Amino acid sequence: MGLILLIVLVLLLIGALPTWGYSRKWGYVPSGGLGLILVILLVLVLLNIIPRGF
């Protein structure tokens, strides 16, 4: 489970970079959404819903 979450987070980080022409107009929306996902995952780890060890 932890390895899958790590892979998904890396893919989201790559996808949030505004390096392509069509995504330059998106602004901070992709990175803001990624930050929200990271905060939710952090809360789930702190509540021991997701185990800490990968």
C-alpha atoms as a PDB file:
ATOM      1  CA  MET A   1       0.000   0.000   0.000  1.00  0.00           C
ATOM      2  CA  GLY A   2       2.765   2.431   0.913  1.00  0.00           C
ATOM      3  CA  LEU A   3       4.738   1.740  -2.259  1.00  0.00           C
ATOM      4  CA  ILE A   4       1.663   2.378  -4.391  1.00  0.00           C
ATOM      5  CA  LEU A   5       1.066   5.698  -2.603  1.00  0.00           C
ATOM      6  CA  LEU A   6       4.692   6.677  -3.152  1.00  0.00           C
ATOM      7  CA  ILE A   7       4.479   5.920  -6.878  1.00  0.00           C
ATOM      8  CA  VAL A   8       1.229   7.866  -7.205  1.00  0.00           C
ATOM      9  CA  LEU A   9       2.726  10.867  -5.389  1.00  0.00           C
ATOM     10  CA  VAL A  10       5.776  10.886  -7.664  1.00  0.00           C
ATOM     11  CA  LEU A  11       3.540  10.765 -10.734  1.00  0.00           C
ATOM     12  CA  LEU A  12       1.432  13.609  -9.355  1.00  0.00           C
ATOM     13  CA  LEU A  13       4.559  15.675  -8.722  1.00  0.00           C
ATOM     14  CA  ILE A  14       5.672  15.197 -12.318  1.00  0.00           C
ATOM     15  CA  GLY A  15       2.184  15.990 -13.597  1.00  0.00           C
ATOM     16  CA  ALA A  16       1.915  19.176 -11.513  1.00  0.00           C
ATOM     17  CA  LEU A  17       4.903  20.799 -13.195  1.00  0.00           C
ATOM     18  CA  PRO A  18       3.713  23.440 -15.702  1.00  0.00           C
ATOM     19  CA  THR A  19       6.297  22.574 -18.358  1.00  0.00           C
ATOM     20  CA  TRP A  20       3.956  21.960 -21.260  1.00  0.00           C
ATOM     21  CA  GLY A  21       2.401  24.759 -23.284  1.00  0.00           C
ATOM     22  CA  TYR A  22      -1.216  23.863 -22.632  1.00  0.00           C
ATOM     23  CA  SER A  23      -0.732  23.668 -18.862  1.00  0.00           C
ATOM     24  CA  ARG A  24       0.868  27.077 -18.327  1.00  0.00           C
ATOM     25  CA  LYS A  25      -2.529  28.735 -17.922  1.00  0.00           C
ATOM     26  CA  TRP A  26      -3.550  26.446 -15.060  1.00  0.00           C
ATOM     27  CA  GLY A  27      -1.652  28.477 -12.475  1.00  0.00           C
ATOM     28  CA  TYR A  28      -1.385  26.982  -8.992  1.00  0.00           C
ATOM     29  CA  VAL A  29      -4.310  24.566  -9.316  1.00  0.00           C
ATOM     30  CA  PRO A  30      -2.279  21.342  -9.887  1.00  0.00           C
ATOM     31  CA  SER A  31       0.212  22.061  -7.115  1.00  0.00           C
ATOM     32  CA  GLY A  32      -2.574  23.177  -4.764  1.00  0.00           C
ATOM     33  CA  GLY A  33      -4.459  19.958  -5.383  1.00  0.00           C
ATOM     34  CA  LEU A  34      -1.279  17.990  -4.791  1.00  0.00           C
ATOM     35  CA  GLY A  35      -0.725  19.855  -1.521  1.00  0.00           C
ATOM     36  CA  LEU A  36      -4.252  18.962  -0.431  1.00  0.00           C
ATOM     37  CA  ILE A  37      -3.613  15.293  -1.187  1.00  0.00           C
ATOM     38  CA  LEU A  38      -0.359  15.417   0.789  1.00  0.00           C
ATOM     39  CA  VAL A  39      -2.119  16.968   3.797  1.00  0.00           C
ATOM     40  CA  ILE A  40      -4.825  14.294   3.696  1.00  0.00           C
ATOM     41  CA  LEU A  41      -2.200  11.539   3.504  1.00  0.00           C
ATOM     42  CA  LEU A  42      -0.283  13.081   6.393  1.00  0.00           C
ATOM     43  CA  VAL A  43      -3.413  13.126   8.554  1.00  0.00           C
ATOM     44  CA  LEU A  44      -4.151   9.495   7.645  1.00  0.00           C
ATOM     45  CA  VAL A  45      -0.606   8.472   8.591  1.00  0.00           C
ATOM     46  CA  LEU A  46      -0.782  10.353  11.885  1.00  0.00           C
ATOM     47  CA  LEU A  47      -4.082   8.650  12.744  1.00  0.00           C
ATOM     48  CA  ASN A  48      -2.494   5.258  11.929  1.00  0.00           C
ATOM     49  CA  ILE A  49      -5.038   4.525   9.221  1.00  0.00           C
ATOM     50  CA  ILE A  50      -2.122   4.125   6.799  1.00  0.00           C
ATOM     51  CA  PRO A  51       0.886   2.379   8.365  1.00  0.00           C
ATOM     52  CA  ARG A  52       4.093   4.422   8.560  1.00  0.00           C
ATOM     53  CA  GLY A  53       6.495   1.837   7.173  1.00  0.00           C
ATOM     54  CA  PHE A  54       6.751   1.482   3.430  1.00  0.00           C
END
